[in-house]
Amino acid sequence: MAEHEIKRLLGLKGSLNTYFCAPRTIKSLHLQKIVYCGGIVTSVSYVRFELRQMFTMMKLKISF
């Protein structure tokens, strides 16, 4: 492992079926949760980038 890399450990507790959903039914309530996604995922989008764009657009509309 290189000097700049940080080793992170992840522990899971509970049932993964709690947040079971299909790729088309993932909603904002699933953010920051581990989701068991059944089906075939063919593409994903980077949510933070889209939220940042929306926030920037809102700031531009609000400023006069």
PDB file of N, CA and C in Angstrom:
ATOM      1  N   MET A   1       0.836  -1.168   0.000  1.00  0.00           N
ATOM      2  CA  MET A   1       0.000   0.000   0.000  1.00  0.00           C
ATOM      3  C   MET A   1       0.893   1.248   0.000  1.00  0.00           C
ATOM      4  N   ALA A   2       0.575   2.236  -0.832  1.00  0.00           N
ATOM      5  CA  ALA A   2       1.373   3.459  -0.928  1.00  0.00           C
ATOM      6  C   ALA A   2       1.168   4.334   0.309  1.00  0.00           C
ATOM      7  N   GLU A   3       2.051   5.308   0.479  1.00  0.00           N
ATOM      8  CA  GLU A   3       1.996   6.171   1.658  1.00  0.00           C
ATOM      9  C   GLU A   3       0.725   7.006   1.721  1.00  0.00           C
ATOM     10  N   HIS A   4       0.222   7.468   0.589  1.00  0.00           N
ATOM     11  CA  HIS A   4      -0.936   8.357   0.578  1.00  0.00           C
ATOM     12  C   HIS A   4      -2.271   7.606   0.668  1.00  0.00           C
ATOM     13  N   GLU A   5      -2.248   6.300   0.572  1.00  0.00           N
ATOM     14  CA  GLU A   5      -3.480   5.522   0.662  1.00  0.00           C
ATOM     15  C   GLU A   5      -3.850   5.282   2.120  1.00  0.00           C
ATOM     16  N   ILE A   6      -5.145   5.305   2.393  1.00  0.00           N
ATOM     17  CA  ILE A   6      -5.652   5.068   3.741  1.00  0.00           C
ATOM     18  C   ILE A   6      -6.429   3.764   3.732  1.00  0.00           C
ATOM     19  N   LYS A   7      -6.127   2.897   4.672  1.00  0.00           N
ATOM     20  CA  LYS A   7      -6.840   1.633   4.771  1.00  0.00           C
ATOM     21  C   LYS A   7      -8.105   1.853   5.593  1.00  0.00           C
ATOM     22  N   ARG A   8      -9.263   1.529   5.033  1.00  0.00           N
ATOM     23  CA  ARG A   8     -10.534   1.703   5.730  1.00  0.00           C
ATOM     24  C   ARG A   8     -11.214   0.349   5.859  1.00  0.00           C
ATOM     25  N   LEU A   9     -11.746   0.089   7.018  1.00  0.00           N
ATOM     26  CA  LEU A   9     -12.460  -1.153   7.269  1.00  0.00           C
ATOM     27  C   LEU A   9     -13.958  -0.874   7.283  1.00  0.00           C
ATOM     28  N   LEU A  10     -14.725  -1.822   6.818  1.00  0.00           N
ATOM     29  CA  LEU A  10     -16.175  -1.664   6.749  1.00  0.00           C
ATOM     30  C   LEU A  10     -16.830  -2.842   7.442  1.00  0.00           C
ATOM     31  N   GLY A  11     -17.732  -2.563   8.344  1.00  0.00           N
ATOM     32  CA  GLY A  11     -18.474  -3.622   9.023  1.00  0.00           C
ATOM     33  C   GLY A  11     -19.956  -3.453   8.770  1.00  0.00           C
ATOM     34  N   LEU A  12     -20.633  -4.530   8.498  1.00  0.00           N
ATOM     35  CA  LEU A  12     -22.068  -4.484   8.236  1.00  0.00           C
ATOM     36  C   LEU A  12     -22.811  -5.219   9.327  1.00  0.00           C
ATOM     37  N   LYS A  13     -23.999  -4.704   9.656  1.00  0.00           N
ATOM     38  CA  LYS A  13     -24.811  -5.319  10.688  1.00  0.00           C
ATOM     39  C   LYS A  13     -26.258  -5.280  10.217  1.00  0.00           C
ATOM     40  N   GLY A  14     -26.996  -6.334  10.439  1.00  0.00           N
ATOM     41  CA  GLY A  14     -28.405  -6.359  10.061  1.00  0.00           C
ATOM     42  C   GLY A  14     -28.632  -7.047   8.730  1.00  0.00           C
ATOM     43  N   SER A  15     -29.849  -6.912   8.251  1.00  0.00           N
ATOM     44  CA  SER A  15     -30.252  -7.578   7.018  1.00  0.00           C
ATOM     45  C   SER A  15     -30.085  -6.647   5.829  1.00  0.00           C
ATOM     46  N   LEU A  16     -29.494  -7.154   4.759  1.00  0.00           N
ATOM     47  CA  LEU A  16     -29.369  -6.345   3.547  1.00  0.00           C
ATOM     48  C   LEU A  16     -30.685  -6.260   2.786  1.00  0.00           C
ATOM     49  N   ASN A  17     -31.636  -7.107   3.104  1.00  0.00           N
ATOM     50  CA  ASN A  17     -32.927  -7.055   2.423  1.00  0.00           C
ATOM     51  C   ASN A  17     -33.786  -5.894   2.903  1.00  0.00           C
ATOM     52  N   THR A  18     -33.336  -5.159   3.910  1.00  0.00           N
ATOM     53  CA  THR A  18     -34.100  -4.020   4.401  1.00  0.00           C
ATOM     54  C   THR A  18     -34.296  -2.992   3.300  1.00  0.00           C
ATOM     55  N   TYR A  19     -33.270  -2.744   2.520  1.00  0.00           N
ATOM     56  CA  TYR A  19     -33.338  -1.767   1.438  1.00  0.00           C
ATOM     57  C   TYR A  19     -33.189  -2.470   0.096  1.00  0.00           C
ATOM     58  N   PHE A  20     -34.064  -3.419  -0.184  1.00  0.00           N
ATOM     59  CA  PHE A  20     -34.058  -4.128  -1.461  1.00  0.00           C
ATOM     60  C   PHE A  20     -34.883  -3.327  -2.453  1.00  0.00           C
ATOM     61  N   CYS A  21     -34.351  -3.091  -3.621  1.00  0.00           N
ATOM     62  CA  CYS A  21     -35.111  -2.367  -4.635  1.00  0.00           C
ATOM     63  C   CYS A  21     -34.567  -2.711  -6.018  1.00  0.00           C
ATOM     64  N   ALA A  22     -35.360  -2.395  -7.002  1.00  0.00           N
ATOM     65  CA  ALA A  22     -34.951  -2.561  -8.392  1.00  0.00           C
ATOM     66  C   ALA A  22     -34.215  -1.290  -8.819  1.00  0.00           C
ATOM     67  N   PRO A  23     -33.384  -1.360  -9.842  1.00  0.00           N
ATOM     68  CA  PRO A  23     -32.653  -0.164 -10.276  1.00  0.00           C
ATOM     69  C   PRO A  23     -33.559   1.022 -10.608  1.00  0.00           C
ATOM     70  N   ARG A  24     -34.746   0.770 -11.110  1.00  0.00           N
ATOM     71  CA  ARG A  24     -35.649   1.871 -11.467  1.00  0.00           C
ATOM     72  C   ARG A  24     -36.354   2.495 -10.277  1.00  0.00           C
ATOM     73  N   THR A  25     -36.330   1.819  -9.130  1.00  0.00           N
ATOM     74  CA  THR A  25     -37.060   2.340  -7.974  1.00  0.00           C
ATOM     75  C   THR A  25     -36.152   2.953  -6.915  1.00  0.00           C
ATOM     76  N   ILE A  26     -34.877   3.154  -7.214  1.00  0.00           N
ATOM     77  CA  ILE A  26     -33.989   3.801  -6.256  1.00  0.00           C
ATOM     78  C   ILE A  26     -34.383   5.268  -6.152  1.00  0.00           C
ATOM     79  N   LYS A  27     -34.586   5.732  -4.929  1.00  0.00           N
ATOM     80  CA  LYS A  27     -35.017   7.106  -4.691  1.00  0.00           C
ATOM     81  C   LYS A  27     -34.054   7.799  -3.737  1.00  0.00           C
ATOM     82  N   SER A  28     -34.297   9.067  -3.467  1.00  0.00           N
ATOM     83  CA  SER A  28     -33.407   9.837  -2.599  1.00  0.00           C
ATOM     84  C   SER A  28     -33.389   9.318  -1.174  1.00  0.00           C
ATOM     85  N   LEU A  29     -34.418   8.624  -0.738  1.00  0.00           N
ATOM     86  CA  LEU A  29     -34.423   8.088   0.623  1.00  0.00           C
ATOM     87  C   LEU A  29     -33.379   6.997   0.803  1.00  0.00           C
ATOM     88  N   HIS A  30     -32.836   6.465  -0.290  1.00  0.00           N
ATOM     89  CA  HIS A  30     -31.799   5.437  -0.215  1.00  0.00           C
ATOM     90  C   HIS A  30     -30.392   6.028  -0.117  1.00  0.00           C
ATOM     91  N   LEU A  31     -30.250   7.362  -0.190  1.00  0.00           N
ATOM     92  CA  LEU A  31     -28.929   7.977  -0.084  1.00  0.00           C
ATOM     93  C   LEU A  31     -28.317   7.671   1.271  1.00  0.00           C
ATOM     94  N   GLN A  32     -27.051   7.430   1.295  1.00  0.00           N
ATOM     95  CA  GLN A  32     -26.259   7.123   2.489  1.00  0.00           C
ATOM     96  C   GLN A  32     -26.694   5.828   3.158  1.00  0.00           C
ATOM     97  N   LYS A  33     -27.288   4.920   2.409  1.00  0.00           N
ATOM     98  CA  LYS A  33     -27.650   3.603   2.922  1.00  0.00           C
ATOM     99  C   LYS A  33     -27.076   2.555   1.975  1.00  0.00           C
ATOM    100  N   ILE A  34     -26.785   1.395   2.496  1.00  0.00           N
ATOM    101  CA  ILE A  34     -26.353   0.295   1.642  1.00  0.00           C
ATOM    102  C   ILE A  34     -27.610  -0.361   1.096  1.00  0.00           C
ATOM    103  N   VAL A  35     -27.710  -0.416  -0.217  1.00  0.00           N
ATOM    104  CA  VAL A  35     -28.918  -0.892  -0.882  1.00  0.00           C
ATOM    105  C   VAL A  35     -28.601  -2.176  -1.629  1.00  0.00           C
ATOM    106  N   TYR A  36     -29.445  -3.187  -1.453  1.00  0.00           N
ATOM    107  CA  TYR A  36     -29.341  -4.419  -2.234  1.00  0.00           C
ATOM    108  C   TYR A  36     -30.177  -4.204  -3.483  1.00  0.00           C
ATOM    109  N   CYS A  37     -29.519  -4.133  -4.620  1.00  0.00           N
ATOM    110  CA  CYS A  37     -30.184  -3.801  -5.869  1.00  0.00           C
ATOM    111  C   CYS A  37     -30.309  -5.060  -6.707  1.00  0.00           C
ATOM    112  N   GLY A  38     -31.542  -5.509  -6.916  1.00  0.00           N
ATOM    113  CA  GLY A  38     -31.777  -6.695  -7.723  1.00  0.00           C
ATOM    114  C   GLY A  38     -31.982  -6.310  -9.172  1.00  0.00           C
ATOM    115  N   GLY A  39     -31.393  -7.026 -10.063  1.00  0.00           N
ATOM    116  CA  GLY A  39     -31.529  -6.719 -11.476  1.00  0.00           C
ATOM    117  C   GLY A  39     -30.176  -6.444 -12.093  1.00  0.00           C
ATOM    118  N   ILE A  40     -30.200  -5.967 -13.314  1.00  0.00           N
ATOM    119  CA  ILE A  40     -28.972  -5.688 -14.043  1.00  0.00           C
ATOM    120  C   ILE A  40     -28.812  -4.177 -14.142  1.00  0.00           C
ATOM    121  N   VAL A  41     -27.719  -3.671 -13.626  1.00  0.00           N
ATOM    122  CA  VAL A  41     -27.432  -2.240 -13.707  1.00  0.00           C
ATOM    123  C   VAL A  41     -26.597  -2.015 -14.958  1.00  0.00           C
ATOM    124  N   THR A  42     -27.132  -1.241 -15.906  1.00  0.00           N
ATOM    125  CA  THR A  42     -26.419  -1.001 -17.162  1.00  0.00           C
ATOM    126  C   THR A  42     -25.689   0.328 -17.166  1.00  0.00           C
ATOM    127  N   SER A  43     -26.146   1.294 -16.360  1.00  0.00           N
ATOM    128  CA  SER A  43     -25.443   2.573 -16.273  1.00  0.00           C
ATOM    129  C   SER A  43     -25.765   3.223 -14.934  1.00  0.00           C
ATOM    130  N   VAL A  44     -24.859   4.051 -14.490  1.00  0.00           N
ATOM    131  CA  VAL A  44     -25.051   4.780 -13.237  1.00  0.00           C
ATOM    132  C   VAL A  44     -24.684   6.237 -13.477  1.00  0.00           C
ATOM    133  N   SER A  45     -25.203   7.109 -12.635  1.00  0.00           N
ATOM    134  CA  SER A  45     -24.844   8.520 -12.729  1.00  0.00           C
ATOM    135  C   SER A  45     -24.273   8.968 -11.397  1.00  0.00           C
ATOM    136  N   TYR A  46     -23.488  10.003 -11.436  1.00  0.00           N
ATOM    137  CA  TYR A  46     -22.845  10.520 -10.246  1.00  0.00           C
ATOM    138  C   TYR A  46     -23.755  11.588  -9.658  1.00  0.00           C
ATOM    139  N   VAL A  47     -24.443  11.279  -8.584  1.00  0.00           N
ATOM    140  CA  VAL A  47     -25.480  12.144  -8.029  1.00  0.00           C
ATOM    141  C   VAL A  47     -24.898  13.457  -7.532  1.00  0.00           C
ATOM    142  N   ARG A  48     -23.757  13.424  -6.875  1.00  0.00           N
ATOM    143  CA  ARG A  48     -23.185  14.654  -6.319  1.00  0.00           C
ATOM    144  C   ARG A  48     -22.951  15.701  -7.397  1.00  0.00           C
ATOM    145  N   PHE A  49     -22.465  15.276  -8.557  1.00  0.00           N
ATOM    146  CA  PHE A  49     -22.207  16.217  -9.641  1.00  0.00           C
ATOM    147  C   PHE A  49     -23.503  16.878 -10.082  1.00  0.00           C
ATOM    148  N   GLU A  50     -24.574  16.100 -10.217  1.00  0.00           N
ATOM    149  CA  GLU A  50     -25.856  16.648 -10.643  1.00  0.00           C
ATOM    150  C   GLU A  50     -26.414  17.595  -9.592  1.00  0.00           C
ATOM    151  N   LEU A  51     -26.289  17.241  -8.311  1.00  0.00           N
ATOM    152  CA  LEU A  51     -26.754  18.126  -7.248  1.00  0.00           C
ATOM    153  C   LEU A  51     -25.951  19.418  -7.229  1.00  0.00           C
ATOM    154  N   ARG A  52     -24.654  19.322  -7.467  1.00  0.00           N
ATOM    155  CA  ARG A  52     -23.814  20.519  -7.494  1.00  0.00           C
ATOM    156  C   ARG A  52     -24.237  21.428  -8.638  1.00  0.00           C
ATOM    157  N   GLN A  53     -24.555  20.861  -9.795  1.00  0.00           N
ATOM    158  CA  GLN A  53     -25.003  21.658 -10.930  1.00  0.00           C
ATOM    159  C   GLN A  53     -26.316  22.360 -10.599  1.00  0.00           C
ATOM    160  N   MET A  54     -27.259  21.645  -9.973  1.00  0.00           N
ATOM    161  CA  MET A  54     -28.545  22.242  -9.623  1.00  0.00           C
ATOM    162  C   MET A  54     -28.341  23.373  -8.621  1.00  0.00           C
ATOM    163  N   PHE A  55     -27.474  23.163  -7.624  1.00  0.00           N
ATOM    164  CA  PHE A  55     -27.219  24.182  -6.614  1.00  0.00           C
ATOM    165  C   PHE A  55     -26.602  25.421  -7.247  1.00  0.00           C
ATOM    166  N   THR A  56     -25.663  25.231  -8.176  1.00  0.00           N
ATOM    167  CA  THR A  56     -25.033  26.360  -8.858  1.00  0.00           C
ATOM    168  C   THR A  56     -26.058  27.113  -9.680  1.00  0.00           C
ATOM    169  N   MET A  57     -26.948  26.402 -10.364  1.00  0.00           N
ATOM    170  CA  MET A  57     -27.991  27.053 -11.150  1.00  0.00           C
ATOM    171  C   MET A  57     -28.919  27.848 -10.245  1.00  0.00           C
ATOM    172  N   MET A  58     -29.256  27.303  -9.074  1.00  0.00           N
ATOM    173  CA  MET A  58     -30.126  28.007  -8.143  1.00  0.00           C
ATOM    174  C   MET A  58     -29.437  29.269  -7.636  1.00  0.00           C
ATOM    175  N   LYS A  59     -28.139  29.196  -7.342  1.00  0.00           N
ATOM    176  CA  LYS A  59     -27.412  30.373  -6.869  1.00  0.00           C
ATOM    177  C   LYS A  59     -27.388  31.449  -7.952  1.00  0.00           C
ATOM    178  N   LEU A  60     -27.219  31.051  -9.206  1.00  0.00           N
ATOM    179  CA  LEU A  60     -27.194  32.022 -10.294  1.00  0.00           C
ATOM    180  C   LEU A  60     -28.548  32.687 -10.470  1.00  0.00           C
ATOM    181  N   LYS A  61     -29.627  31.953 -10.288  1.00  0.00           N
ATOM    182  CA  LYS A  61     -30.965  32.527 -10.436  1.00  0.00           C
ATOM    183  C   LYS A  61     -31.302  33.461  -9.286  1.00  0.00           C
ATOM    184  N   ILE A  62     -30.815  33.155  -8.082  1.00  0.00           N
ATOM    185  CA  ILE A  62     -31.137  33.966  -6.912  1.00  0.00           C
ATOM    186  C   ILE A  62     -30.354  35.272  -6.917  1.00  0.00           C
ATOM    187  N   SER A  63     -29.090  35.240  -7.312  1.00  0.00           N
ATOM    188  CA  SER A  63     -28.281  36.467  -7.291  1.00  0.00           C
ATOM    189  C   SER A  63     -28.743  37.409  -8.398  1.00  0.00           C
ATOM    190  N   PHE A  64     -28.783  38.689  -8.095  1.00  0.00           N
ATOM    191  CA  PHE A  64     -29.276  39.680  -9.056  1.00  0.00           C
ATOM    192  C   PHE A  64     -28.140  40.483  -9.631  1.00  0.00           C
TER     193      PHE A  64
END
